[in-house]
C-alpha atoms as a PDB file:
ATOM      1  CA  UNK A   1     -27.843  -3.680 -44.816  1.00  0.00           C
ATOM      2  CA  UNK A   2     -28.872  -1.604 -41.764  1.00  0.00           C
ATOM      3  CA  UNK A   3     -28.646   2.165 -41.863  1.00  0.00           C
ATOM      4  CA  UNK A   4     -26.359   3.825 -39.361  1.00  0.00           C
ATOM      5  CA  UNK A   5     -27.883   6.813 -37.604  1.00  0.00           C
ATOM      6  CA  UNK A   6     -25.214   9.480 -37.303  1.00  0.00           C
ATOM      7  CA  UNK A   7     -26.294  12.435 -35.223  1.00  0.00           C
ATOM      8  CA  UNK A   8     -25.008  15.870 -36.078  1.00  0.00           C
ATOM      9  CA  UNK A   9     -23.175  17.398 -33.121  1.00  0.00           C
ATOM     10  CA  UNK A  10     -25.041  20.287 -31.572  1.00  0.00           C
ATOM     11  CA  UNK A  11     -23.734  23.759 -32.198  1.00  0.00           C
ATOM     12  CA  UNK A  12     -22.792  25.702 -29.090  1.00  0.00           C
ATOM     13  CA  UNK A  13     -22.642  29.442 -29.369  1.00  0.00           C
ATOM     14  CA  UNK A  14     -19.716  31.310 -27.838  1.00  0.00           C
ATOM     15  CA  UNK A  15     -22.090  33.655 -25.991  1.00  0.00           C
ATOM     16  CA  UNK A  16     -23.771  30.711 -24.275  1.00  0.00           C
ATOM     17  CA  UNK A  17     -20.442  29.274 -23.159  1.00  0.00           C
ATOM     18  CA  UNK A  18     -19.327  32.684 -21.888  1.00  0.00           C
ATOM     19  CA  UNK A  19     -22.537  33.122 -19.873  1.00  0.00           C
ATOM     20  CA  UNK A  20     -22.133  29.644 -18.385  1.00  0.00           C
ATOM     21  CA  UNK A  21     -18.503  30.360 -17.496  1.00  0.00           C
ATOM     22  CA  UNK A  22     -19.504  33.584 -15.717  1.00  0.00           C
ATOM     23  CA  UNK A  23     -22.228  31.766 -13.785  1.00  0.00           C
ATOM     24  CA  UNK A  24     -19.845  28.953 -12.826  1.00  0.00           C
ATOM     25  CA  UNK A  25     -17.234  31.429 -11.607  1.00  0.00           C
ATOM     26  CA  UNK A  26     -19.800  33.368  -9.582  1.00  0.00           C
ATOM     27  CA  UNK A  27     -20.680  30.183  -7.673  1.00  0.00           C
ATOM     28  CA  UNK A  28     -17.100  29.230  -6.844  1.00  0.00           C
ATOM     29  CA  UNK A  29     -15.686  30.228  -3.458  1.00  0.00           C
ATOM     30  CA  UNK A  30     -13.171  33.074  -3.576  1.00  0.00           C
ATOM     31  CA  UNK A  31     -11.515  32.274  -0.239  1.00  0.00           C
ATOM     32  CA  UNK A  32     -11.189  29.404   2.229  1.00  0.00           C
ATOM     33  CA  UNK A  33     -13.695  31.089   4.533  1.00  0.00           C
ATOM     34  CA  UNK A  34     -16.413  30.553   1.906  1.00  0.00           C
ATOM     35  CA  UNK A  35     -15.982  26.754   2.003  1.00  0.00           C
ATOM     36  CA  UNK A  36     -18.384  25.002   4.355  1.00  0.00           C
ATOM     37  CA  UNK A  37     -17.294  22.322   6.820  1.00  0.00           C
ATOM     38  CA  UNK A  38     -13.908  20.626   7.214  1.00  0.00           C
ATOM     39  CA  UNK A  39     -12.635  23.266   9.667  1.00  0.00           C
ATOM     40  CA  UNK A  40      -9.444  21.369  10.569  1.00  0.00           C
ATOM     41  CA  UNK A  41      -8.603  20.766   6.913  1.00  0.00           C
ATOM     42  CA  UNK A  42      -9.179  24.433   6.061  1.00  0.00           C
ATOM     43  CA  UNK A  43      -6.896  25.528   8.924  1.00  0.00           C
ATOM     44  CA  UNK A  44      -4.114  23.198   7.744  1.00  0.00           C
ATOM     45  CA  UNK A  45      -4.531  24.313   4.150  1.00  0.00           C
ATOM     46  CA  UNK A  46      -4.390  27.971   5.208  1.00  0.00           C
ATOM     47  CA  UNK A  47      -1.069  27.293   6.985  1.00  0.00           C
ATOM     48  CA  UNK A  48       0.325  25.552   3.877  1.00  0.00           C
ATOM     49  CA  UNK A  49      -0.748  28.441   1.633  1.00  0.00           C
ATOM     50  CA  UNK A  50       0.613  31.119   3.979  1.00  0.00           C
ATOM     51  CA  UNK A  51       3.963  29.315   4.322  1.00  0.00           C
ATOM     52  CA  UNK A  52       4.317  28.947   0.544  1.00  0.00           C
ATOM     53  CA  UNK A  53       3.548  32.654   0.056  1.00  0.00           C
ATOM     54  CA  UNK A  54       6.090  33.658   2.704  1.00  0.00           C
ATOM     55  CA  UNK A  55       8.740  31.495   1.020  1.00  0.00           C
ATOM     56  CA  UNK A  56       7.805  32.950  -2.366  1.00  0.00           C
ATOM     57  CA  UNK A  57       7.198  29.444  -3.696  1.00  0.00           C
ATOM     58  CA  UNK A  58       4.264  27.630  -5.192  1.00  0.00           C
ATOM     59  CA  UNK A  59       2.122  25.415  -3.006  1.00  0.00           C
ATOM     60  CA  UNK A  60       3.275  21.810  -2.708  1.00  0.00           C
ATOM     61  CA  UNK A  61       1.168  19.109  -4.315  1.00  0.00           C
ATOM     62  CA  UNK A  62      -2.168  18.263  -2.734  1.00  0.00           C
ATOM     63  CA  UNK A  63      -4.229  15.127  -3.190  1.00  0.00           C
ATOM     64  CA  UNK A  64      -7.952  15.654  -2.676  1.00  0.00           C
ATOM     65  CA  UNK A  65     -10.206  12.620  -2.616  1.00  0.00           C
ATOM     66  CA  UNK A  66     -13.949  12.185  -2.407  1.00  0.00           C
ATOM     67  CA  UNK A  67     -17.024  11.371  -4.441  1.00  0.00           C
ATOM     68  CA  UNK A  68     -18.012  13.440  -7.486  1.00  0.00           C
ATOM     69  CA  UNK A  69     -19.754  16.746  -6.914  1.00  0.00           C
ATOM     70  CA  UNK A  70     -17.930  17.889  -3.785  1.00  0.00           C
ATOM     71  CA  UNK A  71     -15.946  20.673  -5.443  1.00  0.00           C
ATOM     72  CA  UNK A  72     -12.498  19.097  -5.491  1.00  0.00           C
ATOM     73  CA  UNK A  73     -11.618  20.922  -8.707  1.00  0.00           C
ATOM     74  CA  UNK A  74     -13.034  24.221  -7.482  1.00  0.00           C
END
Protein backbone atom coordinates (compact mmCIF):
# COMPACT_ATOMS: atom_id res chain seq x y z
CA UNK A 1 0.00 0.00 0.00
CA UNK A 2 1.39 3.44 -0.97
CA UNK A 3 1.90 6.10 1.66
CA UNK A 4 -0.04 9.31 1.26
CA UNK A 5 2.02 12.44 1.78
CA UNK A 6 -0.09 14.92 3.72
CA UNK A 7 1.53 18.32 4.04
CA UNK A 8 0.93 20.37 7.14
CA UNK A 9 -0.59 23.73 6.26
CA UNK A 10 1.79 26.61 6.82
CA UNK A 11 1.18 28.84 9.78
CA UNK A 12 0.61 32.49 8.95
CA UNK A 13 1.19 35.00 11.68
CA UNK A 14 -1.33 37.78 12.22
CA UNK A 15 1.44 40.40 12.12
CA UNK A 16 2.51 39.24 8.67
CA UNK A 17 -1.04 39.43 7.35
CA UNK A 18 -1.48 42.89 8.86
CA UNK A 19 1.74 44.15 7.25
CA UNK A 20 0.66 42.73 3.89
CA UNK A 21 -2.77 44.35 4.21
CA UNK A 22 -1.18 47.74 4.94
CA UNK A 23 1.13 47.39 1.94
CA UNK A 24 -1.75 46.36 -0.32
CA UNK A 25 -3.84 49.32 0.81
CA UNK A 26 -0.96 51.75 0.29
CA UNK A 27 -0.73 50.65 -3.36
CA UNK A 28 -4.43 51.03 -4.11
CA UNK A 29 -5.65 54.25 -5.72
CA UNK A 30 -7.56 56.55 -3.38
CA UNK A 31 -9.36 58.49 -6.12
CA UNK A 32 -10.25 58.17 -9.80
CA UNK A 33 -7.48 60.61 -10.69
CA UNK A 34 -4.90 58.06 -9.51
CA UNK A 35 -6.06 55.47 -12.07
CA UNK A 36 -4.06 55.50 -15.29
CA UNK A 37 -5.66 55.41 -18.73
CA UNK A 38 -9.31 54.93 -19.70
CA UNK A 39 -10.07 58.68 -19.54
CA UNK A 40 -13.57 58.37 -21.03
CA UNK A 41 -14.49 55.55 -18.66
CA UNK A 42 -13.21 57.51 -15.66
CA UNK A 43 -15.26 60.57 -16.70
CA UNK A 44 -18.43 58.47 -17.02
CA UNK A 45 -17.78 56.75 -13.71
CA UNK A 46 -17.22 60.11 -12.01
CA UNK A 47 -20.62 61.30 -13.30
CA UNK A 48 -22.30 58.11 -12.01
CA UNK A 49 -20.68 58.50 -8.59
CA UNK A 50 -21.51 62.21 -8.31
CA UNK A 51 -25.15 61.61 -9.32
CA UNK A 52 -25.55 58.81 -6.76
CA UNK A 53 -24.07 61.02 -4.02
CA UNK A 54 -26.39 63.90 -4.93
CA UNK A 55 -29.40 61.56 -4.80
CA UNK A 56 -28.18 60.15 -1.48
CA UNK A 57 -28.25 56.65 -2.95
CA UNK A 58 -25.71 53.93 -3.47
CA UNK A 59 -24.05 53.55 -6.85
CA UNK A 60 -25.88 51.33 -9.33
CA UNK A 61 -24.32 48.01 -10.25
CA UNK A 62 -21.22 48.03 -12.43
CA UNK A 63 -19.80 45.19 -14.48
CA UNK A 64 -16.05 45.41 -15.01
CA UNK A 65 -14.42 42.97 -17.40
CA UNK A 66 -10.84 42.30 -18.36
CA UNK A 67 -7.96 39.90 -17.84
CA UNK A 68 -6.58 39.16 -14.37
CA UNK A 69 -4.23 41.68 -12.80
CA UNK A 70 -5.82 44.89 -14.07
CA UNK A 71 -7.22 46.02 -10.72
CA UNK A 72 -10.91 45.33 -11.27
CA UNK A 73 -11.40 44.55 -7.58
CA UNK A 74 -9.38 47.56 -6.46
